Amino acid sequence: MKTSAIFWVGITTILLVLVTCLATLNVSFSWVFYITVIGQLAVLIMVYKVLTDNYKTDKTFDDFYEDYPIGKDHFKSS
């Protein structure tokens, strides 16, 4: 099964938020340490997956943001 890059982004985010919560709640250092190491490995995997993802789009810098396109007759007055 091929996992997408967004899956790894989600897993990494969950792990690193979990580390923050566990450190705040004064959980045992060994748990925080091991989850931190796993989180660092997840960051490396995530970066690799994002950079090698086969993602195609037809958007260019001329499109600016998708929710606020500029230029292409979007400001015609009625």
PDB file of N, CA and C in Angstrom:
ATOM      1  N   MET A   1       0.836  -1.169   0.000  1.00  0.00           N
ATOM      2  CA  MET A   1       0.000   0.000   0.000  1.00  0.00           C
ATOM      3  C   MET A   1       0.890   1.245   0.000  1.00  0.00           C
ATOM      4  N   LYS A   2       0.634   2.132  -0.943  1.00  0.00           N
ATOM      5  CA  LYS A   2       1.415   3.364  -1.051  1.00  0.00           C
ATOM      6  C   LYS A   2       0.746   4.451  -0.220  1.00  0.00           C
ATOM      7  N   THR A   3       1.499   5.042   0.689  1.00  0.00           N
ATOM      8  CA  THR A   3       0.955   6.121   1.510  1.00  0.00           C
ATOM      9  C   THR A   3       1.311   7.458   0.881  1.00  0.00           C
ATOM     10  N   SER A   4       0.403   8.416   1.025  1.00  0.00           N
ATOM     11  CA  SER A   4       0.633   9.735   0.444  1.00  0.00           C
ATOM     12  C   SER A   4       1.482  10.584   1.387  1.00  0.00           C
ATOM     13  N   ALA A   5       1.938  11.685   0.881  1.00  0.00           N
ATOM     14  CA  ALA A   5       2.766  12.594   1.680  1.00  0.00           C
ATOM     15  C   ALA A   5       1.958  13.210   2.808  1.00  0.00           C
ATOM     16  N   ILE A   6       0.683  13.472   2.583  1.00  0.00           N
ATOM     17  CA  ILE A   6      -0.138  14.096   3.622  1.00  0.00           C
ATOM     18  C   ILE A   6      -0.319  13.160   4.814  1.00  0.00           C
ATOM     19  N   PHE A   7      -0.277  11.862   4.596  1.00  0.00           N
ATOM     20  CA  PHE A   7      -0.338  10.900   5.692  1.00  0.00           C
ATOM     21  C   PHE A   7       0.848  11.105   6.626  1.00  0.00           C
ATOM     22  N   TRP A   8       2.047  11.242   6.057  1.00  0.00           N
ATOM     23  CA  TRP A   8       3.245  11.433   6.872  1.00  0.00           C
ATOM     24  C   TRP A   8       3.250  12.786   7.560  1.00  0.00           C
ATOM     25  N   VAL A   9       2.692  13.794   6.927  1.00  0.00           N
ATOM     26  CA  VAL A   9       2.564  15.102   7.575  1.00  0.00           C
ATOM     27  C   VAL A   9       1.659  14.979   8.796  1.00  0.00           C
ATOM     28  N   GLY A  10       0.556  14.257   8.657  1.00  0.00           N
ATOM     29  CA  GLY A  10      -0.368  14.066   9.773  1.00  0.00           C
ATOM     30  C   GLY A  10       0.247  13.276  10.918  1.00  0.00           C
ATOM     31  N   ILE A  11       0.919  12.177  10.603  1.00  0.00           N
ATOM     32  CA  ILE A  11       1.558  11.350  11.630  1.00  0.00           C
ATOM     33  C   ILE A  11       2.621  12.154  12.379  1.00  0.00           C
ATOM     34  N   THR A  12       3.431  12.897  11.651  1.00  0.00           N
ATOM     35  CA  THR A  12       4.482  13.699  12.274  1.00  0.00           C
ATOM     36  C   THR A  12       3.893  14.777  13.172  1.00  0.00           C
ATOM     37  N   THR A  13       2.843  15.419  12.706  1.00  0.00           N
ATOM     38  CA  THR A  13       2.183  16.452  13.513  1.00  0.00           C
ATOM     39  C   THR A  13       1.632  15.860  14.802  1.00  0.00           C
ATOM     40  N   ILE A  14       0.966  14.727  14.697  1.00  0.00           N
ATOM     41  CA  ILE A  14       0.396  14.075  15.887  1.00  0.00           C
ATOM     42  C   ILE A  14       1.499  13.698  16.873  1.00  0.00           C
ATOM     43  N   LEU A  15       2.592  13.130  16.387  1.00  0.00           N
ATOM     44  CA  LEU A  15       3.695  12.739  17.274  1.00  0.00           C
ATOM     45  C   LEU A  15       4.299  13.936  18.000  1.00  0.00           C
ATOM     46  N   LEU A  16       4.517  15.013  17.283  1.00  0.00           N
ATOM     47  CA  LEU A  16       5.172  16.160  17.903  1.00  0.00           C
ATOM     48  C   LEU A  16       4.239  16.916  18.851  1.00  0.00           C
ATOM     49  N   VAL A  17       2.947  16.933  18.566  1.00  0.00           N
ATOM     50  CA  VAL A  17       1.983  17.504  19.511  1.00  0.00           C
ATOM     51  C   VAL A  17       1.893  16.614  20.748  1.00  0.00           C
ATOM     52  N   LEU A  18       1.948  15.311  20.559  1.00  0.00           N
ATOM     53  CA  LEU A  18       1.934  14.373  21.680  1.00  0.00           C
ATOM     54  C   LEU A  18       3.149  14.584  22.588  1.00  0.00           C
ATOM     55  N   VAL A  19       4.315  14.811  22.011  1.00  0.00           N
ATOM     56  CA  VAL A  19       5.514  15.082  22.806  1.00  0.00           C
ATOM     57  C   VAL A  19       5.300  16.336  23.657  1.00  0.00           C
ATOM     58  N   THR A  20       4.741  17.366  23.058  1.00  0.00           N
ATOM     59  CA  THR A  20       4.497  18.607  23.793  1.00  0.00           C
ATOM     60  C   THR A  20       3.539  18.383  24.951  1.00  0.00           C
ATOM     61  N   CYS A  21       2.459  17.650  24.692  1.00  0.00           N
ATOM     62  CA  CYS A  21       1.476  17.382  25.744  1.00  0.00           C
ATOM     63  C   CYS A  21       2.074  16.535  26.863  1.00  0.00           C
ATOM     64  N   LEU A  22       2.812  15.508  26.502  1.00  0.00           N
ATOM     65  CA  LEU A  22       3.398  14.634  27.520  1.00  0.00           C
ATOM     66  C   LEU A  22       4.447  15.364  28.360  1.00  0.00           C
ATOM     67  N   ALA A  23       5.223  16.233  27.729  1.00  0.00           N
ATOM     68  CA  ALA A  23       6.223  16.994  28.479  1.00  0.00           C
ATOM     69  C   ALA A  23       5.544  17.988  29.419  1.00  0.00           C
ATOM     70  N   THR A  24       4.438  18.562  28.990  1.00  0.00           N
ATOM     71  CA  THR A  24       3.703  19.500  29.827  1.00  0.00           C
ATOM     72  C   THR A  24       3.064  18.799  31.023  1.00  0.00           C
ATOM     73  N   LEU A  25       2.629  17.563  30.833  1.00  0.00           N
ATOM     74  CA  LEU A  25       1.962  16.813  31.894  1.00  0.00           C
ATOM     75  C   LEU A  25       2.942  16.073  32.802  1.00  0.00           C
ATOM     76  N   ASN A  26       4.225  16.348  32.640  1.00  0.00           N
ATOM     77  CA  ASN A  26       5.274  15.730  33.464  1.00  0.00           C
ATOM     78  C   ASN A  26       5.252  14.204  33.422  1.00  0.00           C
ATOM     79  N   VAL A  27       5.091  13.668  32.242  1.00  0.00           N
ATOM     80  CA  VAL A  27       5.175  12.216  32.043  1.00  0.00           C
ATOM     81  C   VAL A  27       6.646  11.829  32.129  1.00  0.00           C
ATOM     82  N   SER A  28       6.907  10.587  32.401  1.00  0.00           N
ATOM     83  CA  SER A  28       8.271  10.082  32.548  1.00  0.00           C
ATOM     84  C   SER A  28       9.158  10.516  31.375  1.00  0.00           C
ATOM     85  N   PHE A  29      10.383  10.892  31.713  1.00  0.00           N
ATOM     86  CA  PHE A  29      11.327  11.365  30.699  1.00  0.00           C
ATOM     87  C   PHE A  29      11.551  10.334  29.605  1.00  0.00           C
ATOM     88  N   SER A  30      11.595   9.053  29.975  1.00  0.00           N
ATOM     89  CA  SER A  30      11.881   8.021  28.969  1.00  0.00           C
ATOM     90  C   SER A  30      10.799   7.988  27.894  1.00  0.00           C
ATOM     91  N   TRP A  31       9.530   8.146  28.279  1.00  0.00           N
ATOM     92  CA  TRP A  31       8.455   8.182  27.278  1.00  0.00           C
ATOM     93  C   TRP A  31       8.612   9.379  26.344  1.00  0.00           C
ATOM     94  N   VAL A  32       8.862  10.540  26.917  1.00  0.00           N
ATOM     95  CA  VAL A  32       9.028  11.753  26.109  1.00  0.00           C
ATOM     96  C   VAL A  32      10.234  11.613  25.188  1.00  0.00           C
ATOM     97  N   PHE A  33      11.322  11.054  25.699  1.00  0.00           N
ATOM     98  CA  PHE A  33      12.528  10.884  24.900  1.00  0.00           C
ATOM     99  C   PHE A  33      12.275   9.955  23.712  1.00  0.00           C
ATOM    100  N   TYR A  34      11.675   8.800  23.962  1.00  0.00           N
ATOM    101  CA  TYR A  34      11.445   7.837  22.876  1.00  0.00           C
ATOM    102  C   TYR A  34      10.482   8.384  21.823  1.00  0.00           C
ATOM    103  N   ILE A  35       9.453   9.062  22.255  1.00  0.00           N
ATOM    104  CA  ILE A  35       8.516   9.636  21.276  1.00  0.00           C
ATOM    105  C   ILE A  35       9.186  10.771  20.502  1.00  0.00           C
ATOM    106  N   THR A  36      10.092  11.509  21.150  1.00  0.00           N
ATOM    107  CA  THR A  36      10.841  12.551  20.442  1.00  0.00           C
ATOM    108  C   THR A  36      11.727  11.935  19.357  1.00  0.00           C
ATOM    109  N   VAL A  37      12.402  10.849  19.672  1.00  0.00           N
ATOM    110  CA  VAL A  37      13.256  10.179  18.675  1.00  0.00           C
ATOM    111  C   VAL A  37      12.409   9.654  17.517  1.00  0.00           C
ATOM    112  N   ILE A  38      11.271   9.053  17.837  1.00  0.00           N
ATOM    113  CA  ILE A  38      10.365   8.576  16.781  1.00  0.00           C
ATOM    114  C   ILE A  38       9.859   9.751  15.950  1.00  0.00           C
ATOM    115  N   GLY A  39       9.577  10.885  16.620  1.00  0.00           N
ATOM    116  CA  GLY A  39       9.131  12.084  15.904  1.00  0.00           C
ATOM    117  C   GLY A  39      10.192  12.624  14.965  1.00  0.00           C
ATOM    118  N   GLN A  40      11.450  12.572  15.386  1.00  0.00           N
ATOM    119  CA  GLN A  40      12.527  13.035  14.515  1.00  0.00           C
ATOM    120  C   GLN A  40      12.683  12.138  13.290  1.00  0.00           C
ATOM    121  N   LEU A  41      12.534  10.854  13.481  1.00  0.00           N
ATOM    122  CA  LEU A  41      12.557   9.939  12.324  1.00  0.00           C
ATOM    123  C   LEU A  41      11.373  10.203  11.399  1.00  0.00           C
ATOM    124  N   ALA A  42      10.220  10.480  12.008  1.00  0.00           N
ATOM    125  CA  ALA A  42       9.029  10.789  11.199  1.00  0.00           C
ATOM    126  C   ALA A  42       9.229  12.072  10.398  1.00  0.00           C
ATOM    127  N   VAL A  43       9.933  13.052  10.962  1.00  0.00           N
ATOM    128  CA  VAL A  43      10.219  14.287  10.221  1.00  0.00           C
ATOM    129  C   VAL A  43      11.088  13.986   9.005  1.00  0.00           C
ATOM    130  N   LEU A  44      12.102  13.156   9.179  1.00  0.00           N
ATOM    131  CA  LEU A  44      12.959  12.797   8.039  1.00  0.00           C
ATOM    132  C   LEU A  44      12.176  12.078   6.945  1.00  0.00           C
ATOM    133  N   ILE A  45      11.338  11.131   7.352  1.00  0.00           N
ATOM    134  CA  ILE A  45      10.523  10.402   6.376  1.00  0.00           C
ATOM    135  C   ILE A  45       9.549  11.356   5.693  1.00  0.00           C
ATOM    136  N   MET A  46       8.935  12.251   6.484  1.00  0.00           N
ATOM    137  CA  MET A  46       7.975  13.201   5.929  1.00  0.00           C
ATOM    138  C   MET A  46       8.631  14.103   4.889  1.00  0.00           C
ATOM    139  N   VAL A  47       9.799  14.633   5.193  1.00  0.00           N
ATOM    140  CA  VAL A  47      10.491  15.513   4.250  1.00  0.00           C
ATOM    141  C   VAL A  47      10.810  14.761   2.959  1.00  0.00           C
ATOM    142  N   TYR A  48      11.297  13.537   3.083  1.00  0.00           N
ATOM    143  CA  TYR A  48      11.596  12.738   1.899  1.00  0.00           C
ATOM    144  C   TYR A  48      10.333  12.490   1.070  1.00  0.00           C
ATOM    145  N   LYS A  49       9.232  12.109   1.730  1.00  0.00           N
ATOM    146  CA  LYS A  49       7.990  11.812   1.013  1.00  0.00           C
ATOM    147  C   LYS A  49       7.420  13.054   0.342  1.00  0.00           C
ATOM    148  N   VAL A  50       7.474  14.194   1.017  1.00  0.00           N
ATOM    149  CA  VAL A  50       6.947  15.429   0.423  1.00  0.00           C
ATOM    150  C   VAL A  50       7.779  15.840  -0.788  1.00  0.00           C
ATOM    151  N   LEU A  51       9.094  15.735  -0.678  1.00  0.00           N
ATOM    152  CA  LEU A  51       9.950  16.164  -1.786  1.00  0.00           C
ATOM    153  C   LEU A  51       9.907  15.213  -2.978  1.00  0.00           C
ATOM    154  N   THR A  52       9.598  13.933  -2.742  1.00  0.00           N
ATOM    155  CA  THR A  52       9.566  12.981  -3.853  1.00  0.00           C
ATOM    156  C   THR A  52       8.149  12.636  -4.291  1.00  0.00           C
ATOM    157  N   ASP A  53       7.151  13.321  -3.742  1.00  0.00           N
ATOM    158  CA  ASP A  53       5.758  13.049  -4.097  1.00  0.00           C
ATOM    159  C   ASP A  53       5.507  13.431  -5.553  1.00  0.00           C
ATOM    160  N   ASN A  54       4.761  12.611  -6.256  1.00  0.00           N
ATOM    161  CA  ASN A  54       4.449  12.847  -7.667  1.00  0.00           C
ATOM    162  C   ASN A  54       3.169  13.683  -7.748  1.00  0.00           C
ATOM    163  N   TYR A  55       3.272  14.958  -7.392  1.00  0.00           N
ATOM    164  CA  TYR A  55       2.128  15.868  -7.341  1.00  0.00           C
ATOM    165  C   TYR A  55       2.178  16.803  -8.528  1.00  0.00           C
ATOM    166  N   LYS A  56       1.100  16.894  -9.233  1.00  0.00           N
ATOM    167  CA  LYS A  56       1.017  17.764 -10.409  1.00  0.00           C
ATOM    168  C   LYS A  56      -0.097  18.782 -10.190  1.00  0.00           C
ATOM    169  N   THR A  57       0.116  19.992 -10.669  1.00  0.00           N
ATOM    170  CA  THR A  57      -0.904  21.025 -10.605  1.00  0.00           C
ATOM    171  C   THR A  57      -0.797  21.906 -11.840  1.00  0.00           C
ATOM    172  N   ASP A  58      -1.899  22.553 -12.156  1.00  0.00           N
ATOM    173  CA  ASP A  58      -1.888  23.484 -13.283  1.00  0.00           C
ATOM    174  C   ASP A  58      -1.816  24.933 -12.792  1.00  0.00           C
ATOM    175  N   LYS A  59      -1.656  25.116 -11.498  1.00  0.00           N
ATOM    176  CA  LYS A  59      -1.556  26.452 -10.917  1.00  0.00           C
ATOM    177  C   LYS A  59      -0.154  27.011 -11.123  1.00  0.00           C
ATOM    178  N   THR A  60      -0.096  28.327 -11.285  1.00  0.00           N
ATOM    179  CA  THR A  60       1.178  29.018 -11.408  1.00  0.00           C
ATOM    180  C   THR A  60       1.206  30.155 -10.398  1.00  0.00           C
ATOM    181  N   PHE A  61       2.316  30.860 -10.336  1.00  0.00           N
ATOM    182  CA  PHE A  61       2.407  32.004  -9.437  1.00  0.00           C
ATOM    183  C   PHE A  61       1.456  33.119  -9.854  1.00  0.00           C
ATOM    184  N   ASP A  62       1.033  33.118 -11.121  1.00  0.00           N
ATOM    185  CA  ASP A  62       0.067  34.121 -11.572  1.00  0.00           C
ATOM    186  C   ASP A  62      -1.304  33.917 -10.944  1.00  0.00           C
ATOM    187  N   ASP A  63      -1.595  32.699 -10.474  1.00  0.00           N
ATOM    188  CA  ASP A  63      -2.889  32.419  -9.853  1.00  0.00           C
ATOM    189  C   ASP A  63      -2.966  32.920  -8.418  1.00  0.00           C
ATOM    190  N   PHE A  64      -1.858  33.317  -7.840  1.00  0.00           N
ATOM    191  CA  PHE A  64      -1.773  33.808  -6.470  1.00  0.00           C
ATOM    192  C   PHE A  64      -2.321  32.757  -5.519  1.00  0.00           C
ATOM    193  N   TYR A  65      -3.346  33.031  -4.755  1.00  0.00           N
ATOM    194  CA  TYR A  65      -3.957  32.047  -3.874  1.00  0.00           C
ATOM    195  C   TYR A  65      -5.244  31.530  -4.522  1.00  0.00           C
ATOM    196  N   GLU A  66      -5.585  30.258  -4.276  1.00  0.00           N
ATOM    197  CA  GLU A  66      -6.792  29.703  -4.881  1.00  0.00           C
ATOM    198  C   GLU A  66      -8.053  30.399  -4.382  1.00  0.00           C
ATOM    199  N   ASP A  67      -8.063  30.822  -3.125  1.00  0.00           N
ATOM    200  CA  ASP A  67      -9.259  31.454  -2.594  1.00  0.00           C
ATOM    201  C   ASP A  67      -9.332  32.942  -2.932  1.00  0.00           C
ATOM    202  N   TYR A  68      -8.280  33.505  -3.491  1.00  0.00           N
ATOM    203  CA  TYR A  68      -8.259  34.917  -3.860  1.00  0.00           C
ATOM    204  C   TYR A  68      -7.436  35.094  -5.128  1.00  0.00           C
ATOM    205  N   PRO A  69      -7.960  34.593  -6.255  1.00  0.00           N
ATOM    206  CA  PRO A  69      -7.194  34.706  -7.500  1.00  0.00           C
ATOM    207  C   PRO A  69      -7.121  36.157  -7.961  1.00  0.00           C
ATOM    208  N   ILE A  70      -6.026  36.511  -8.549  1.00  0.00           N
ATOM    209  CA  ILE A  70      -5.874  37.865  -9.057  1.00  0.00           C
ATOM    210  C   ILE A  70      -5.654  37.818 -10.559  1.00  0.00           C
ATOM    211  N   GLY A  71      -6.085  38.876 -11.199  1.00  0.00           N
ATOM    212  CA  GLY A  71      -5.755  39.004 -12.603  1.00  0.00           C
ATOM    213  C   GLY A  71      -6.823  38.563 -13.575  1.00  0.00           C
ATOM    214  N   LYS A  72      -7.322  37.419 -13.562  1.00  0.00           N
ATOM    215  CA  LYS A  72      -8.090  36.832 -14.658  1.00  0.00           C
ATOM    216  C   LYS A  72      -9.562  37.250 -14.628  1.00  0.00           C
ATOM    217  N   ASP A  73      -9.816  38.540 -14.754  1.00  0.00           N
ATOM    218  CA  ASP A  73     -11.178  39.099 -14.835  1.00  0.00           C
ATOM    219  C   ASP A  73     -12.048  38.757 -13.649  1.00  0.00           C
ATOM    220  N   HIS A  74     -11.492  38.654 -12.465  1.00  0.00           N
ATOM    221  CA  HIS A  74     -12.277  38.368 -11.271  1.00  0.00           C
ATOM    222  C   HIS A  74     -12.804  39.639 -10.630  1.00  0.00           C
ATOM    223  N   PHE A  75     -12.377  40.797 -11.134  1.00  0.00           N
ATOM    224  CA  PHE A  75     -12.762  42.054 -10.517  1.00  0.00           C
ATOM    225  C   PHE A  75     -13.650  42.878 -11.439  1.00  0.00           C
ATOM    226  N   LYS A  76     -14.407  42.223 -12.296  1.00  0.00           N
ATOM    227  CA  LYS A  76     -15.321  42.946 -13.174  1.00  0.00           C
ATOM    228  C   LYS A  76     -16.440  43.549 -12.339  1.00  0.00           C
ATOM    229  N   SER A  77     -16.721  44.797 -12.592  1.00  0.00           N
ATOM    230  CA  SER A  77     -17.850  45.419 -11.874  1.00  0.00           C
ATOM    231  C   SER A  77     -19.139  45.115 -12.615  1.00  0.00           C
ATOM    232  N   SER A  78     -20.188  44.919 -11.837  1.00  0.00           N
ATOM    233  CA  SER A  78     -21.463  44.554 -12.462  1.00  0.00           C
ATOM    234  C   SER A  78     -22.374  45.726 -12.603  1.00  0.00           C
TER     235      SER A  78
END
